[in-house]
């Protein structure tokens, strides 16, 4: 879960909450391989250091995004309640 705080004096005594929840994949290190070797193996696929400025999800092939988009994972979300904060 990623959270943050912002103050808007125009909202008076109201609050607005935005919650972003996402899965963070964890990968254990390779057995018998040092961290330096593992990092160099991960960086072999890069053509140049400029690619590091591009987020990894944009560097991945487009077909992997399409495949995920075909999986129905949409959940219905109720609209936010507009209740003044007291």
PDB file of N, CA and C in Angstrom:
ATOM      1  N   UNK A   1       0.857  -1.171   0.000  1.00  0.00           N
ATOM      2  CA  UNK A   1       0.000   0.000   0.000  1.00  0.00           C
ATOM      3  C   UNK A   1       0.900   1.229   0.000  1.00  0.00           C
ATOM      4  N   UNK A   2       0.590   2.150  -0.884  1.00  0.00           N
ATOM      5  CA  UNK A   2       1.326   3.410  -0.963  1.00  0.00           C
ATOM      6  C   UNK A   2       0.403   4.500  -0.454  1.00  0.00           C
ATOM      7  N   UNK A   3       0.882   5.309   0.454  1.00  0.00           N
ATOM      8  CA  UNK A   3       0.034   6.381   0.947  1.00  0.00           C
ATOM      9  C   UNK A   3       0.832   7.665   1.045  1.00  0.00           C
ATOM     10  N   UNK A   4       0.120   8.758   1.077  1.00  0.00           N
ATOM     11  CA  UNK A   4       0.754  10.058   1.202  1.00  0.00           C
ATOM     12  C   UNK A   4      -0.247  11.043   1.778  1.00  0.00           C
ATOM     13  N   UNK A   5       0.215  12.230   2.068  1.00  0.00           N
ATOM     14  CA  UNK A   5      -0.636  13.248   2.676  1.00  0.00           C
ATOM     15  C   UNK A   5      -0.468  14.546   1.904  1.00  0.00           C
ATOM     16  N   UNK A   6      -1.580  15.213   1.657  1.00  0.00           N
ATOM     17  CA  UNK A   6      -1.553  16.543   1.050  1.00  0.00           C
ATOM     18  C   UNK A   6      -2.573  17.404   1.779  1.00  0.00           C
ATOM     19  N   UNK A   7      -2.241  18.656   1.984  1.00  0.00           N
ATOM     20  CA  UNK A   7      -3.137  19.559   2.697  1.00  0.00           C
ATOM     21  C   UNK A   7      -3.710  20.559   1.707  1.00  0.00           C
ATOM     22  N   UNK A   8      -5.042  20.674   1.665  1.00  0.00           N
ATOM     23  CA  UNK A   8      -5.710  21.641   0.796  1.00  0.00           C
ATOM     24  C   UNK A   8      -6.610  22.503   1.669  1.00  0.00           C
ATOM     25  N   UNK A   9      -6.230  23.751   1.943  1.00  0.00           N
ATOM     26  CA  UNK A   9      -7.032  24.607   2.816  1.00  0.00           C
ATOM     27  C   UNK A   9      -8.411  24.920   2.247  1.00  0.00           C
ATOM     28  N   UNK A  10      -8.602  24.748   0.945  1.00  0.00           N
ATOM     29  CA  UNK A  10      -9.907  25.018   0.337  1.00  0.00           C
ATOM     30  C   UNK A  10     -10.951  23.964   0.693  1.00  0.00           C
ATOM     31  N   UNK A  11     -10.534  22.833   1.236  1.00  0.00           N
ATOM     32  CA  UNK A  11     -11.482  21.769   1.568  1.00  0.00           C
ATOM     33  C   UNK A  11     -12.108  21.968   2.946  1.00  0.00           C
ATOM     34  N   UNK A  12     -11.719  23.005   3.649  1.00  0.00           N
ATOM     35  CA  UNK A  12     -12.262  23.309   4.976  1.00  0.00           C
ATOM     36  C   UNK A  12     -12.142  22.109   5.893  1.00  0.00           C
ATOM     37  N   UNK A  13     -13.266  21.569   6.364  1.00  0.00           N
ATOM     38  CA  UNK A  13     -13.223  20.451   7.315  1.00  0.00           C
ATOM     39  C   UNK A  13     -13.555  19.124   6.649  1.00  0.00           C
ATOM     40  N   UNK A  14     -13.359  19.025   5.351  1.00  0.00           N
ATOM     41  CA  UNK A  14     -13.579  17.769   4.637  1.00  0.00           C
ATOM     42  C   UNK A  14     -12.236  17.086   4.411  1.00  0.00           C
ATOM     43  N   UNK A  15     -12.292  15.776   4.237  1.00  0.00           N
ATOM     44  CA  UNK A  15     -11.092  15.033   3.878  1.00  0.00           C
ATOM     45  C   UNK A  15     -11.395  14.207   2.639  1.00  0.00           C
ATOM     46  N   UNK A  16     -10.377  13.925   1.886  1.00  0.00           N
ATOM     47  CA  UNK A  16     -10.493  13.049   0.720  1.00  0.00           C
ATOM     48  C   UNK A  16      -9.375  12.032   0.847  1.00  0.00           C
ATOM     49  N   UNK A  17      -9.726  10.770   0.679  1.00  0.00           N
ATOM     50  CA  UNK A  17      -8.754   9.695   0.828  1.00  0.00           C
ATOM     51  C   UNK A  17      -8.612   8.967  -0.498  1.00  0.00           C
ATOM     52  N   UNK A  18      -7.382   8.799  -0.941  1.00  0.00           N
ATOM     53  CA  UNK A  18      -7.085   7.996  -2.122  1.00  0.00           C
ATOM     54  C   UNK A  18      -6.157   6.882  -1.676  1.00  0.00           C
ATOM     55  N   UNK A  19      -6.521   5.656  -1.984  1.00  0.00           N
ATOM     56  CA  UNK A  19      -5.730   4.498  -1.588  1.00  0.00           C
ATOM     57  C   UNK A  19      -5.299   3.759  -2.843  1.00  0.00           C
ATOM     58  N   UNK A  20      -4.027   3.500  -2.950  1.00  0.00           N
ATOM     59  CA  UNK A  20      -3.495   2.736  -4.069  1.00  0.00           C
ATOM     60  C   UNK A  20      -2.885   1.472  -3.483  1.00  0.00           C
ATOM     61  N   UNK A  21      -3.437   0.333  -3.843  1.00  0.00           N
ATOM     62  CA  UNK A  21      -2.920  -0.941  -3.351  1.00  0.00           C
ATOM     63  C   UNK A  21      -2.505  -1.772  -4.554  1.00  0.00           C
ATOM     64  N   UNK A  22      -1.312  -2.296  -4.514  1.00  0.00           N
ATOM     65  CA  UNK A  22      -0.814  -3.086  -5.630  1.00  0.00           C
ATOM     66  C   UNK A  22       0.073  -4.195  -5.094  1.00  0.00           C
ATOM     67  N   UNK A  23       0.229  -5.217  -5.851  1.00  0.00           N
ATOM     68  CA  UNK A  23       1.113  -6.306  -5.457  1.00  0.00           C
ATOM     69  C   UNK A  23       2.540  -5.981  -5.829  1.00  0.00           C
ATOM     70  N   UNK A  24       3.441  -6.182  -4.898  1.00  0.00           N
ATOM     71  CA  UNK A  24       4.853  -6.003  -5.164  1.00  0.00           C
ATOM     72  C   UNK A  24       5.477  -7.390  -5.192  1.00  0.00           C
ATOM     73  N   UNK A  25       5.892  -7.790  -6.364  1.00  0.00           N
ATOM     74  CA  UNK A  25       6.479  -9.122  -6.499  1.00  0.00           C
ATOM     75  C   UNK A  25       7.818  -9.151  -5.776  1.00  0.00           C
ATOM     76  N   UNK A  26       8.036 -10.214  -5.060  1.00  0.00           N
ATOM     77  CA  UNK A  26       9.331 -10.364  -4.402  1.00  0.00           C
ATOM     78  C   UNK A  26      10.050 -11.528  -5.053  1.00  0.00           C
ATOM     79  N   UNK A  27      11.318 -11.337  -5.286  1.00  0.00           N
ATOM     80  CA  UNK A  27      12.117 -12.370  -5.925  1.00  0.00           C
ATOM     81  C   UNK A  27      13.308 -12.652  -5.022  1.00  0.00           C
ATOM     82  N   UNK A  28      13.469 -13.898  -4.680  1.00  0.00           N
ATOM     83  CA  UNK A  28      14.627 -14.246  -3.868  1.00  0.00           C
ATOM     84  C   UNK A  28      15.850 -14.298  -4.764  1.00  0.00           C
ATOM     85  N   UNK A  29      16.994 -14.092  -4.193  1.00  0.00           N
ATOM     86  CA  UNK A  29      18.232 -14.094  -4.963  1.00  0.00           C
ATOM     87  C   UNK A  29      18.546 -15.470  -5.522  1.00  0.00           C
ATOM     88  N   UNK A  30      19.402 -15.484  -6.522  1.00  0.00           N
ATOM     89  CA  UNK A  30      19.819 -16.736  -7.125  1.00  0.00           C
ATOM     90  C   UNK A  30      20.793 -17.446  -6.190  1.00  0.00           C
ATOM     91  N   UNK A  31      20.629 -18.745  -6.053  1.00  0.00           N
ATOM     92  CA  UNK A  31      21.472 -19.528  -5.153  1.00  0.00           C
ATOM     93  C   UNK A  31      22.874 -19.633  -5.745  1.00  0.00           C
ATOM     94  N   UNK A  32      23.881 -19.351  -4.926  1.00  0.00           N
ATOM     95  CA  UNK A  32      25.265 -19.484  -5.360  1.00  0.00           C
ATOM     96  C   UNK A  32      25.761 -18.355  -6.249  1.00  0.00           C
ATOM     97  N   UNK A  33      24.988 -17.282  -6.384  1.00  0.00           N
ATOM     98  CA  UNK A  33      25.384 -16.155  -7.229  1.00  0.00           C
ATOM     99  C   UNK A  33      25.444 -14.912  -6.355  1.00  0.00           C
ATOM    100  N   UNK A  34      26.549 -14.166  -6.469  1.00  0.00           N
ATOM    101  CA  UNK A  34      26.666 -12.945  -5.670  1.00  0.00           C
ATOM    102  C   UNK A  34      25.700 -11.891  -6.190  1.00  0.00           C
ATOM    103  N   UNK A  35      25.440 -10.880  -5.361  1.00  0.00           N
ATOM    104  CA  UNK A  35      24.522  -9.800  -5.767  1.00  0.00           C
ATOM    105  C   UNK A  35      25.057  -9.060  -6.987  1.00  0.00           C
ATOM    106  N   UNK A  36      26.381  -8.883  -7.065  1.00  0.00           N
ATOM    107  CA  UNK A  36      26.974  -8.203  -8.224  1.00  0.00           C
ATOM    108  C   UNK A  36      26.747  -9.003  -9.503  1.00  0.00           C
ATOM    109  N   UNK A  37      26.931 -10.328  -9.413  1.00  0.00           N
ATOM    110  CA  UNK A  37      26.700 -11.179 -10.584  1.00  0.00           C
ATOM    111  C   UNK A  37      25.230 -11.164 -10.984  1.00  0.00           C
ATOM    112  N   UNK A  38      24.350 -11.217  -9.987  1.00  0.00           N
ATOM    113  CA  UNK A  38      22.913 -11.197 -10.271  1.00  0.00           C
ATOM    114  C   UNK A  38      22.522  -9.883 -10.942  1.00  0.00           C
ATOM    115  N   UNK A  39      23.052  -8.771 -10.447  1.00  0.00           N
ATOM    116  CA  UNK A  39      22.755  -7.469 -11.034  1.00  0.00           C
ATOM    117  C   UNK A  39      23.274  -7.381 -12.464  1.00  0.00           C
ATOM    118  N   UNK A  40      24.479  -7.881 -12.697  1.00  0.00           N
ATOM    119  CA  UNK A  40      25.023  -7.819 -14.058  1.00  0.00           C
ATOM    120  C   UNK A  40      24.199  -8.676 -15.015  1.00  0.00           C
ATOM    121  N   UNK A  41      23.662  -9.811 -14.536  1.00  0.00           N
ATOM    122  CA  UNK A  41      22.798 -10.639 -15.379  1.00  0.00           C
ATOM    123  C   UNK A  41      21.498  -9.911 -15.703  1.00  0.00           C
ATOM    124  N   UNK A  42      20.958  -9.193 -14.731  1.00  0.00           N
ATOM    125  CA  UNK A  42      19.719  -8.454 -14.969  1.00  0.00           C
ATOM    126  C   UNK A  42      19.926  -7.303 -15.947  1.00  0.00           C
ATOM    127  N   UNK A  43      21.110  -6.692 -15.917  1.00  0.00           N
ATOM    128  CA  UNK A  43      21.389  -5.539 -16.777  1.00  0.00           C
ATOM    129  C   UNK A  43      21.852  -5.926 -18.178  1.00  0.00           C
ATOM    130  N   UNK A  44      22.135  -7.213 -18.426  1.00  0.00           N
ATOM    131  CA  UNK A  44      22.604  -7.643 -19.747  1.00  0.00           C
ATOM    132  C   UNK A  44      21.599  -7.311 -20.845  1.00  0.00           C
ATOM    133  N   UNK A  45      20.313  -7.351 -20.551  1.00  0.00           N
ATOM    134  CA  UNK A  45      19.288  -7.110 -21.560  1.00  0.00           C
ATOM    135  C   UNK A  45      19.156  -5.658 -21.975  1.00  0.00           C
ATOM    136  N   UNK A  46      19.768  -4.743 -21.239  1.00  0.00           N
ATOM    137  CA  UNK A  46      19.672  -3.323 -21.580  1.00  0.00           C
ATOM    138  C   UNK A  46      20.636  -2.986 -22.706  1.00  0.00           C
ATOM    139  N   UNK A  47      20.170  -2.180 -23.639  1.00  0.00           N
ATOM    140  CA  UNK A  47      21.021  -1.766 -24.752  1.00  0.00           C
ATOM    141  C   UNK A  47      21.912  -0.596 -24.362  1.00  0.00           C
ATOM    142  N   UNK A  48      21.417   0.266 -23.475  1.00  0.00           N
ATOM    143  CA  UNK A  48      22.199   1.419 -23.040  1.00  0.00           C
ATOM    144  C   UNK A  48      21.723   1.853 -21.660  1.00  0.00           C
ATOM    145  N   UNK A  49      22.517   2.696 -20.996  1.00  0.00           N
ATOM    146  CA  UNK A  49      22.137   3.187 -19.673  1.00  0.00           C
ATOM    147  C   UNK A  49      20.912   4.093 -19.732  1.00  0.00           C
ATOM    148  N   UNK A  50      20.643   4.699 -20.897  1.00  0.00           N
ATOM    149  CA  UNK A  50      19.471   5.567 -21.021  1.00  0.00           C
ATOM    150  C   UNK A  50      18.176   4.789 -20.788  1.00  0.00           C
ATOM    151  N   UNK A  51      18.198   3.477 -21.057  1.00  0.00           N
ATOM    152  CA  UNK A  51      17.000   2.668 -20.836  1.00  0.00           C
ATOM    153  C   UNK A  51      16.615   2.630 -19.363  1.00  0.00           C
ATOM    154  N   UNK A  52      17.566   2.881 -18.466  1.00  0.00           N
ATOM    155  CA  UNK A  52      17.261   2.877 -17.038  1.00  0.00           C
ATOM    156  C   UNK A  52      16.364   4.049 -16.663  1.00  0.00           C
ATOM    157  N   UNK A  53      16.317   5.089 -17.517  1.00  0.00           N
ATOM    158  CA  UNK A  53      15.437   6.227 -17.264  1.00  0.00           C
ATOM    159  C   UNK A  53      13.986   5.911 -17.597  1.00  0.00           C
ATOM    160  N   UNK A  54      13.743   4.814 -18.308  1.00  0.00           N
ATOM    161  CA  UNK A  54      12.392   4.407 -18.687  1.00  0.00           C
ATOM    162  C   UNK A  54      11.902   3.405 -17.651  1.00  0.00           C
ATOM    163  N   UNK A  55      10.701   3.611 -17.081  1.00  0.00           N
ATOM    164  CA  UNK A  55      10.183   2.657 -16.099  1.00  0.00           C
ATOM    165  C   UNK A  55      10.140   1.239 -16.674  1.00  0.00           C
ATOM    166  N   UNK A  56      10.384   0.260 -15.834  1.00  0.00           N
ATOM    167  CA  UNK A  56      10.477  -1.127 -16.297  1.00  0.00           C
ATOM    168  C   UNK A  56       9.200  -1.613 -16.961  1.00  0.00           C
ATOM    169  N   UNK A  57       8.027  -1.141 -16.504  1.00  0.00           N
ATOM    170  CA  UNK A  57       6.790  -1.620 -17.124  1.00  0.00           C
ATOM    171  C   UNK A  57       6.667  -1.124 -18.559  1.00  0.00           C
ATOM    172  N   UNK A  58       7.344  -0.021 -18.899  1.00  0.00           N
ATOM    173  CA  UNK A  58       7.339   0.460 -20.282  1.00  0.00           C
ATOM    174  C   UNK A  58       8.400  -0.241 -21.122  1.00  0.00           C
ATOM    175  N   UNK A  59       9.434  -0.789 -20.480  1.00  0.00           N
ATOM    176  CA  UNK A  59      10.475  -1.502 -21.216  1.00  0.00           C
ATOM    177  C   UNK A  59      10.053  -2.911 -21.573  1.00  0.00           C
ATOM    178  N   UNK A  60       9.070  -3.463 -20.881  1.00  0.00           N
ATOM    179  CA  UNK A  60       8.622  -4.827 -21.163  1.00  0.00           C
ATOM    180  C   UNK A  60       7.929  -4.875 -22.516  1.00  0.00           C
ATOM    181  N   UNK A  61       7.959  -6.025 -23.165  1.00  0.00           N
ATOM    182  CA  UNK A  61       7.264  -6.145 -24.456  1.00  0.00           C
ATOM    183  C   UNK A  61       5.767  -5.881 -24.306  1.00  0.00           C
ATOM    184  N   UNK A  62       5.193  -5.305 -25.346  1.00  0.00           N
ATOM    185  CA  UNK A  62       3.783  -4.928 -25.319  1.00  0.00           C
ATOM    186  C   UNK A  62       2.869  -6.133 -25.172  1.00  0.00           C
ATOM    187  N   UNK A  63       3.230  -7.291 -25.746  1.00  0.00           N
ATOM    188  CA  UNK A  63       2.344  -8.446 -25.686  1.00  0.00           C
ATOM    189  C   UNK A  63       2.080  -8.901 -24.262  1.00  0.00           C
ATOM    190  N   UNK A  64       3.010  -8.700 -23.348  1.00  0.00           N
ATOM    191  CA  UNK A  64       2.768  -9.115 -21.966  1.00  0.00           C
ATOM    192  C   UNK A  64       1.685  -8.260 -21.327  1.00  0.00           C
ATOM    193  N   UNK A  65       1.592  -6.959 -21.730  1.00  0.00           N
ATOM    194  CA  UNK A  65       0.535  -6.097 -21.209  1.00  0.00           C
ATOM    195  C   UNK A  65      -0.824  -6.523 -21.759  1.00  0.00           C
ATOM    196  N   UNK A  66      -0.862  -6.907 -23.025  1.00  0.00           N
ATOM    197  CA  UNK A  66      -2.128  -7.337 -23.636  1.00  0.00           C
ATOM    198  C   UNK A  66      -2.643  -8.603 -22.974  1.00  0.00           C
ATOM    199  N   UNK A  67      -1.742  -9.525 -22.705  1.00  0.00           N
ATOM    200  CA  UNK A  67      -2.157 -10.785 -22.092  1.00  0.00           C
ATOM    201  C   UNK A  67      -2.792 -10.531 -20.727  1.00  0.00           C
ATOM    202  N   UNK A  68      -2.204  -9.640 -19.937  1.00  0.00           N
ATOM    203  CA  UNK A  68      -2.759  -9.325 -18.627  1.00  0.00           C
ATOM    204  C   UNK A  68      -4.097  -8.614 -18.761  1.00  0.00           C
ATOM    205  N   UNK A  69      -4.251  -7.797 -19.808  1.00  0.00           N
ATOM    206  CA  UNK A  69      -5.484  -7.042 -19.987  1.00  0.00           C
ATOM    207  C   UNK A  69      -6.649  -7.960 -20.325  1.00  0.00           C
ATOM    208  N   UNK A  70      -6.378  -9.124 -20.894  1.00  0.00           N
ATOM    209  CA  UNK A  70      -7.446 -10.043 -21.258  1.00  0.00           C
ATOM    210  C   UNK A  70      -8.005 -10.784 -20.054  1.00  0.00           C
ATOM    211  N   UNK A  71      -7.278 -10.813 -18.963  1.00  0.00           N
ATOM    212  CA  UNK A  71      -7.732 -11.497 -17.761  1.00  0.00           C
ATOM    213  C   UNK A  71      -8.715 -10.606 -17.008  1.00  0.00           C
ATOM    214  N   UNK A  72      -9.966 -11.070 -16.820  1.00  0.00           N
ATOM    215  CA  UNK A  72     -10.942 -10.217 -16.118  1.00  0.00           C
ATOM    216  C   UNK A  72     -10.641 -10.146 -14.627  1.00  0.00           C
ATOM    217  N   UNK A  73     -10.170  -9.003 -14.174  1.00  0.00           N
ATOM    218  CA  UNK A  73      -9.854  -8.821 -12.759  1.00  0.00           C
ATOM    219  C   UNK A  73     -10.543  -7.588 -12.191  1.00  0.00           C
ATOM    220  N   UNK A  74     -11.485  -7.051 -12.926  1.00  0.00           N
ATOM    221  CA  UNK A  74     -12.151  -5.834 -12.489  1.00  0.00           C
ATOM    222  C   UNK A  74     -13.080  -6.130 -11.319  1.00  0.00           C
ATOM    223  N   UNK A  75     -13.033  -5.267 -10.323  1.00  0.00           N
ATOM    224  CA  UNK A  75     -13.925  -5.378  -9.181  1.00  0.00           C
ATOM    225  C   UNK A  75     -14.762  -4.119  -9.106  1.00  0.00           C
ATOM    226  N   UNK A  76     -16.012  -4.277  -8.724  1.00  0.00           N
ATOM    227  CA  UNK A  76     -16.875  -3.118  -8.571  1.00  0.00           C
ATOM    228  C   UNK A  76     -16.498  -2.365  -7.304  1.00  0.00           C
ATOM    229  N   UNK A  77     -16.431  -1.060  -7.418  1.00  0.00           N
ATOM    230  CA  UNK A  77     -16.080  -0.211  -6.289  1.00  0.00           C
ATOM    231  C   UNK A  77     -17.212   0.767  -6.065  1.00  0.00           C
ATOM    232  N   UNK A  78     -17.648   0.890  -4.824  1.00  0.00           N
ATOM    233  CA  UNK A  78     -18.714   1.835  -4.505  1.00  0.00           C
ATOM    234  C   UNK A  78     -18.181   3.254  -4.607  1.00  0.00           C
ATOM    235  N   UNK A  79     -19.014   4.203  -5.055  1.00  0.00           N
ATOM    236  CA  UNK A  79     -18.556   5.593  -5.117  1.00  0.00           C
ATOM    237  C   UNK A  79     -18.264   6.116  -3.712  1.00  0.00           C
ATOM    238  N   UNK A  80     -17.336   7.070  -3.597  1.00  0.00           N
ATOM    239  CA  UNK A  80     -16.984   7.583  -2.272  1.00  0.00           C
ATOM    240  C   UNK A  80     -18.141   8.324  -1.615  1.00  0.00           C
ATOM    241  N   UNK A  81     -18.200   8.232  -0.307  1.00  0.00           N
ATOM    242  CA  UNK A  81     -19.216   8.945   0.457  1.00  0.00           C
ATOM    243  C   UNK A  81     -18.778  10.385   0.642  1.00  0.00           C
ATOM    244  N   UNK A  82     -19.678  11.311   0.490  1.00  0.00           N
ATOM    245  CA  UNK A  82     -19.359  12.726   0.682  1.00  0.00           C
ATOM    246  C   UNK A  82     -19.914  13.146   2.034  1.00  0.00           C
ATOM    247  N   UNK A  83     -19.221  12.760   3.081  1.00  0.00           N
ATOM    248  CA  UNK A  83     -19.634  13.090   4.436  1.00  0.00           C
ATOM    249  C   UNK A  83     -18.678  14.130   4.995  1.00  0.00           C
ATOM    250  N   UNK A  84     -19.186  15.256   5.463  1.00  0.00           N
ATOM    251  CA  UNK A  84     -18.283  16.268   6.028  1.00  0.00           C
ATOM    252  C   UNK A  84     -17.611  15.757   7.296  1.00  0.00           C
ATOM    253  N   UNK A  85     -16.380  16.128   7.455  1.00  0.00           N
ATOM    254  CA  UNK A  85     -15.599  15.746   8.628  1.00  0.00           C
ATOM    255  C   UNK A  85     -15.957  16.670   9.789  1.00  0.00           C
ATOM    256  N   UNK A  86     -16.231  16.089  10.946  1.00  0.00           N
ATOM    257  CA  UNK A  86     -16.631  16.906  12.105  1.00  0.00           C
ATOM    258  C   UNK A  86     -15.624  16.809  13.198  1.00  0.00           C
TER     259      UNK A  86
END
